[in-house]
PDB file of all heavy atoms in Angstrom:
ATOM      1  N   GLY A   1       0.787  -1.235  -0.010  1.00  0.00           N
ATOM      2  CA  GLY A   1       0.031  -0.003   0.022  1.00  0.00           C
ATOM      3  C   GLY A   1       0.787   1.291  -0.004  1.00  0.00           C
ATOM      4  O   GLY A   1       2.031   1.264   0.035  1.00  0.00           O
ATOM      5  N   ASN A   2       0.115   2.403  -0.040  1.00  0.00           N
ATOM      6  CA  ASN A   2       0.755   3.721  -0.136  1.00  0.00           C
ATOM      7  C   ASN A   2       1.038   4.211   1.229  1.00  0.00           C
ATOM      8  O   ASN A   2       0.129   4.254   2.128  1.00  0.00           O
ATOM      9  CB  ASN A   2      -0.246   4.625  -0.868  1.00  0.00           C
ATOM     10  CG  ASN A   2       0.344   6.015  -1.092  1.00  0.00           C
ATOM     11  OD1 ASN A   2       1.455   6.362  -0.655  1.00  0.00           O
ATOM     12  ND2 ASN A   2      -0.360   6.854  -1.770  1.00  0.00           N
ATOM     13  N   THR A   3       2.301   4.618   1.516  1.00  0.00           N
ATOM     14  CA  THR A   3       2.665   5.228   2.805  1.00  0.00           C
ATOM     15  C   THR A   3       2.560   6.760   2.818  1.00  0.00           C
ATOM     16  O   THR A   3       2.664   7.339   3.831  1.00  0.00           O
ATOM     17  CB  THR A   3       4.054   4.818   3.244  1.00  0.00           C
ATOM     18  OG1 THR A   3       5.000   5.351   2.323  1.00  0.00           O
ATOM     19  CG2 THR A   3       4.229   3.293   3.279  1.00  0.00           C
ATOM     20  N   GLY A   4       2.387   7.307   1.643  1.00  0.00           N
ATOM     21  CA  GLY A   4       2.283   8.754   1.531  1.00  0.00           C
ATOM     22  C   GLY A   4       3.573   9.449   1.367  1.00  0.00           C
ATOM     23  O   GLY A   4       3.606  10.730   1.280  1.00  0.00           O
ATOM     24  N   ILE A   5       4.657   8.786   1.312  1.00  0.00           N
ATOM     25  CA  ILE A   5       5.981   9.448   1.171  1.00  0.00           C
ATOM     26  C   ILE A   5       6.113  10.226  -0.153  1.00  0.00           C
ATOM     27  O   ILE A   5       6.682  11.291  -0.190  1.00  0.00           O
ATOM     28  CB  ILE A   5       7.129   8.463   1.359  1.00  0.00           C
ATOM     29  CG1 ILE A   5       8.467   9.207   1.572  1.00  0.00           C
ATOM     30  CG2 ILE A   5       7.209   7.493   0.216  1.00  0.00           C
ATOM     31  CD1 ILE A   5       9.569   8.378   2.063  1.00  0.00           C
ATOM     32  N   GLY A   6       5.513   9.703  -1.173  1.00  0.00           N
ATOM     33  CA  GLY A   6       5.581  10.338  -2.465  1.00  0.00           C
ATOM     34  C   GLY A   6       4.889  11.742  -2.439  1.00  0.00           C
ATOM     35  O   GLY A   6       5.395  12.767  -2.916  1.00  0.00           O
ATOM     36  N   SER A   7       3.746  11.734  -1.820  1.00  0.00           N
ATOM     37  CA  SER A   7       2.955  12.993  -1.714  1.00  0.00           C
ATOM     38  C   SER A   7       3.675  13.997  -0.798  1.00  0.00           C
ATOM     39  O   SER A   7       3.673  15.245  -1.135  1.00  0.00           O
ATOM     40  CB  SER A   7       1.566  12.686  -1.122  1.00  0.00           C
ATOM     41  OG  SER A   7       0.825  11.887  -1.986  1.00  0.00           O
ATOM     42  N   LYS A   8       4.250  13.538   0.245  1.00  0.00           N
ATOM     43  CA  LYS A   8       4.964  14.457   1.152  1.00  0.00           C
ATOM     44  C   LYS A   8       6.190  15.054   0.485  1.00  0.00           C
ATOM     45  O   LYS A   8       6.514  16.257   0.618  1.00  0.00           O
ATOM     46  CB  LYS A   8       5.458  13.634   2.411  1.00  0.00           C
ATOM     47  CG  LYS A   8       4.407  13.251   3.296  1.00  0.00           C
ATOM     48  CD  LYS A   8       4.958  12.361   4.494  1.00  0.00           C
ATOM     49  CE  LYS A   8       3.769  11.709   5.167  1.00  0.00           C
ATOM     50  NZ  LYS A   8       4.285  10.665   6.119  1.00  0.00           N
ATOM     51  N   ARG A   9       6.940  14.273  -0.353  1.00  0.00           N
ATOM     52  CA  ARG A   9       8.100  14.767  -1.088  1.00  0.00           C
ATOM     53  C   ARG A   9       7.624  15.835  -2.122  1.00  0.00           C
ATOM     54  O   ARG A   9       8.308  16.893  -2.276  1.00  0.00           O
ATOM     55  CB  ARG A   9       8.892  13.688  -1.746  1.00  0.00           C
ATOM     56  CG  ARG A   9       9.716  12.839  -0.747  1.00  0.00           C
ATOM     57  CD  ARG A   9      10.442  11.808  -1.444  1.00  0.00           C
ATOM     58  NE  ARG A   9      11.139  12.083  -2.672  1.00  0.00           N
ATOM     59  CZ  ARG A   9      12.419  12.496  -2.733  1.00  0.00           C
ATOM     60  NH1 ARG A   9      13.115  12.682  -1.648  1.00  0.00           N
ATOM     61  NH2 ARG A   9      12.959  12.767  -3.876  1.00  0.00           N
ATOM     62  N   LEU A  10       6.579  15.517  -2.859  1.00  0.00           N
ATOM     63  CA  LEU A  10       6.048  16.454  -3.830  1.00  0.00           C
ATOM     64  C   LEU A  10       5.658  17.712  -3.179  1.00  0.00           C
ATOM     65  O   LEU A  10       5.987  18.848  -3.655  1.00  0.00           O
ATOM     66  CB  LEU A  10       4.848  15.829  -4.634  1.00  0.00           C
ATOM     67  CG  LEU A  10       4.242  16.721  -5.686  1.00  0.00           C
ATOM     68  CD1 LEU A  10       5.263  17.082  -6.778  1.00  0.00           C
ATOM     69  CD2 LEU A  10       3.084  16.016  -6.309  1.00  0.00           C
ATOM     70  N   SER A  11       4.979  17.614  -2.097  1.00  0.00           N
ATOM     71  CA  SER A  11       4.518  18.834  -1.349  1.00  0.00           C
ATOM     72  C   SER A  11       5.738  19.654  -0.880  1.00  0.00           C
ATOM     73  O   SER A  11       5.756  20.912  -1.045  1.00  0.00           O
ATOM     74  CB  SER A  11       3.733  18.441  -0.121  1.00  0.00           C
ATOM     75  OG  SER A  11       3.355  19.587   0.607  1.00  0.00           O
ATOM     76  N   ALA A  12       6.786  18.984  -0.470  1.00  0.00           N
ATOM     77  CA  ALA A  12       8.033  19.671  -0.034  1.00  0.00           C
ATOM     78  C   ALA A  12       8.727  20.410  -1.162  1.00  0.00           C
ATOM     79  O   ALA A  12       9.229  21.487  -1.072  1.00  0.00           O
ATOM     80  CB  ALA A  12       8.995  18.746   0.662  1.00  0.00           C
ATOM     81  N   PHE A  13       8.707  19.734  -2.279  1.00  0.00           N
ATOM     82  CA  PHE A  13       9.310  20.333  -3.480  1.00  0.00           C
ATOM     83  C   PHE A  13       8.627  21.491  -3.980  1.00  0.00           C
ATOM     84  O   PHE A  13       9.185  22.599  -4.342  1.00  0.00           O
ATOM     85  CB  PHE A  13       9.451  19.336  -4.636  1.00  0.00           C
ATOM     86  CG  PHE A  13      10.449  18.230  -4.409  1.00  0.00           C
ATOM     87  CD1 PHE A  13      10.206  16.962  -4.898  1.00  0.00           C
ATOM     88  CD2 PHE A  13      11.671  18.411  -3.686  1.00  0.00           C
ATOM     89  CE1 PHE A  13      11.045  15.907  -4.697  1.00  0.00           C
ATOM     90  CE2 PHE A  13      12.513  17.397  -3.427  1.00  0.00           C
ATOM     91  CZ  PHE A  13      12.193  16.107  -3.966  1.00  0.00           C
ATOM     92  N   VAL A  14       7.288  21.466  -3.936  1.00  0.00           N
ATOM     93  CA  VAL A  14       6.433  22.621  -4.377  1.00  0.00           C
ATOM     94  C   VAL A  14       6.593  23.776  -3.396  1.00  0.00           C
ATOM     95  O   VAL A  14       6.751  24.953  -3.829  1.00  0.00           O
ATOM     96  CB  VAL A  14       5.011  22.179  -4.522  1.00  0.00           C
ATOM     97  CG1 VAL A  14       4.103  23.408  -4.691  1.00  0.00           C
ATOM     98  CG2 VAL A  14       4.809  21.264  -5.750  1.00  0.00           C
ATOM     99  N   GLU A  15       6.623  23.435  -2.142  1.00  0.00           N
ATOM    100  CA  GLU A  15       6.726  24.499  -1.146  1.00  0.00           C
ATOM    101  C   GLU A  15       8.154  25.219  -1.229  1.00  0.00           C
ATOM    102  O   GLU A  15       8.267  26.384  -1.129  1.00  0.00           O
ATOM    103  CB  GLU A  15       6.638  23.890   0.279  1.00  0.00           C
ATOM    104  CG  GLU A  15       6.542  25.000   1.355  1.00  0.00           C
ATOM    105  CD  GLU A  15       6.125  24.442   2.691  1.00  0.00           C
ATOM    106  OE1 GLU A  15       5.767  23.276   2.766  1.00  0.00           O
ATOM    107  OE2 GLU A  15       6.244  25.174   3.658  1.00  0.00           O
ATOM    108  N   GLN A  16       9.182  24.391  -1.575  1.00  0.00           N
ATOM    109  CA  GLN A  16      10.473  24.996  -1.704  1.00  0.00           C
ATOM    110  C   GLN A  16      10.574  25.892  -2.993  1.00  0.00           C
ATOM    111  O   GLN A  16      11.085  26.999  -2.913  1.00  0.00           O
ATOM    112  CB  GLN A  16      11.512  23.856  -1.859  1.00  0.00           C
ATOM    113  CG  GLN A  16      12.918  24.392  -2.060  1.00  0.00           C
ATOM    114  CD  GLN A  16      13.936  23.191  -2.191  1.00  0.00           C
ATOM    115  OE1 GLN A  16      13.501  22.030  -2.304  1.00  0.00           O
ATOM    116  NE2 GLN A  16      15.166  23.502  -2.206  1.00  0.00           N
ATOM    117  N   ALA A  17       9.868  25.495  -4.037  1.00  0.00           N
ATOM    118  CA  ALA A  17       9.888  26.264  -5.304  1.00  0.00           C
ATOM    119  C   ALA A  17       9.005  27.484  -5.258  1.00  0.00           C
ATOM    120  O   ALA A  17       9.375  28.568  -5.734  1.00  0.00           O
ATOM    121  CB  ALA A  17       9.457  25.369  -6.439  1.00  0.00           C
ATOM    122  N   VAL A  18       7.826  27.386  -4.620  1.00  0.00           N
ATOM    123  CA  VAL A  18       6.837  28.419  -4.656  1.00  0.00           C
ATOM    124  C   VAL A  18       6.868  29.239  -3.364  1.00  0.00           C
ATOM    125  O   VAL A  18       6.451  30.391  -3.361  1.00  0.00           O
ATOM    126  CB  VAL A  18       5.435  27.798  -4.900  1.00  0.00           C
ATOM    127  CG1 VAL A  18       4.296  28.883  -4.905  1.00  0.00           C
ATOM    128  CG2 VAL A  18       5.417  27.097  -6.219  1.00  0.00           C
ATOM    129  N   GLY A  19       7.234  28.614  -2.288  1.00  0.00           N
ATOM    130  CA  GLY A  19       7.241  29.312  -0.970  1.00  0.00           C
ATOM    131  C   GLY A  19       6.015  28.955  -0.170  1.00  0.00           C
ATOM    132  O   GLY A  19       5.808  29.455   0.967  1.00  0.00           O
ATOM    133  N   SER A  20       5.107  28.193  -0.753  1.00  0.00           N
ATOM    134  CA  SER A  20       3.931  27.815   0.031  1.00  0.00           C
ATOM    135  C   SER A  20       3.437  26.433  -0.519  1.00  0.00           C
ATOM    136  O   SER A  20       3.614  26.131  -1.766  1.00  0.00           O
ATOM    137  CB  SER A  20       2.837  28.830  -0.177  1.00  0.00           C
ATOM    138  OG  SER A  20       1.639  28.414   0.380  1.00  0.00           O
ATOM    139  N   ASP A  21       2.778  25.638   0.216  1.00  0.00           N
ATOM    140  CA  ASP A  21       2.198  24.407  -0.214  1.00  0.00           C
ATOM    141  C   ASP A  21       0.927  24.621  -0.885  1.00  0.00           C
ATOM    142  O   ASP A  21      -0.102  24.716  -0.227  1.00  0.00           O
ATOM    143  CB  ASP A  21       2.114  23.393   0.962  1.00  0.00           C
ATOM    144  CG  ASP A  21       1.597  22.073   0.522  1.00  0.00           C
ATOM    145  OD1 ASP A  21       1.498  21.846  -0.681  1.00  0.00           O
ATOM    146  OD2 ASP A  21       1.317  21.257   1.390  1.00  0.00           O
ATOM    147  N   ILE A  22       0.964  24.751  -2.186  1.00  0.00           N
ATOM    148  CA  ILE A  22      -0.264  25.015  -2.984  1.00  0.00           C
ATOM    149  C   ILE A  22      -1.025  23.802  -3.376  1.00  0.00           C
ATOM    150  O   ILE A  22      -2.111  23.883  -3.956  1.00  0.00           O
ATOM    151  CB  ILE A  22       0.023  25.972  -4.155  1.00  0.00           C
ATOM    152  CG1 ILE A  22       0.986  25.302  -5.135  1.00  0.00           C
ATOM    153  CG2 ILE A  22       0.471  27.298  -3.713  1.00  0.00           C
ATOM    154  CD1 ILE A  22       1.170  26.004  -6.466  1.00  0.00           C
ATOM    155  N   LEU A  23      -0.420  22.620  -3.231  1.00  0.00           N
ATOM    156  CA  LEU A  23      -1.050  21.404  -3.764  1.00  0.00           C
ATOM    157  C   LEU A  23      -1.921  20.732  -2.697  1.00  0.00           C
ATOM    158  O   LEU A  23      -3.026  20.307  -2.993  1.00  0.00           O
ATOM    159  CB  LEU A  23       0.016  20.358  -4.117  1.00  0.00           C
ATOM    160  CG  LEU A  23       0.928  20.712  -5.278  1.00  0.00           C
ATOM    161  CD1 LEU A  23       1.956  19.644  -5.544  1.00  0.00           C
ATOM    162  CD2 LEU A  23       0.020  20.946  -6.515  1.00  0.00           C
ATOM    163  N   PHE A  24      -1.507  20.598  -1.483  1.00  0.00           N
ATOM    164  CA  PHE A  24      -2.210  19.752  -0.543  1.00  0.00           C
ATOM    165  C   PHE A  24      -2.678  20.593   0.676  1.00  0.00           C
ATOM    166  O   PHE A  24      -2.727  20.025   1.799  1.00  0.00           O
ATOM    167  CB  PHE A  24      -1.254  18.609  -0.033  1.00  0.00           C
ATOM    168  CG  PHE A  24      -0.788  17.729  -1.175  1.00  0.00           C
ATOM    169  CD1 PHE A  24       0.457  17.788  -1.647  1.00  0.00           C
ATOM    170  CD2 PHE A  24      -1.629  16.872  -1.820  1.00  0.00           C
ATOM    171  CE1 PHE A  24       0.895  16.998  -2.673  1.00  0.00           C
ATOM    172  CE2 PHE A  24      -1.272  16.092  -2.877  1.00  0.00           C
ATOM    173  CZ  PHE A  24       0.062  16.156  -3.290  1.00  0.00           C
ATOM    174  N   GLN A  25      -3.088  21.778   0.498  1.00  0.00           N
ATOM    175  CA  GLN A  25      -3.565  22.566   1.681  1.00  0.00           C
ATOM    176  C   GLN A  25      -4.972  22.193   2.023  1.00  0.00           C
ATOM    177  O   GLN A  25      -5.814  21.809   1.363  1.00  0.00           O
ATOM    178  CB  GLN A  25      -3.551  24.034   1.310  1.00  0.00           C
ATOM    179  CG  GLN A  25      -2.179  24.552   1.285  1.00  0.00           C
ATOM    180  CD  GLN A  25      -2.173  26.069   0.985  1.00  0.00           C
ATOM    181  OE1 GLN A  25      -3.177  26.690   0.774  1.00  0.00           O
ATOM    182  NE2 GLN A  25      -1.042  26.641   1.099  1.00  0.00           N
TER     183      GLN A  25
END
């Protein structure tokens, strides 16, 4: 099953690039 690590990493990358978590708020 899915542990959610991929979503967490994607969220961290977006937050780093944009300055805010715009995907999973």
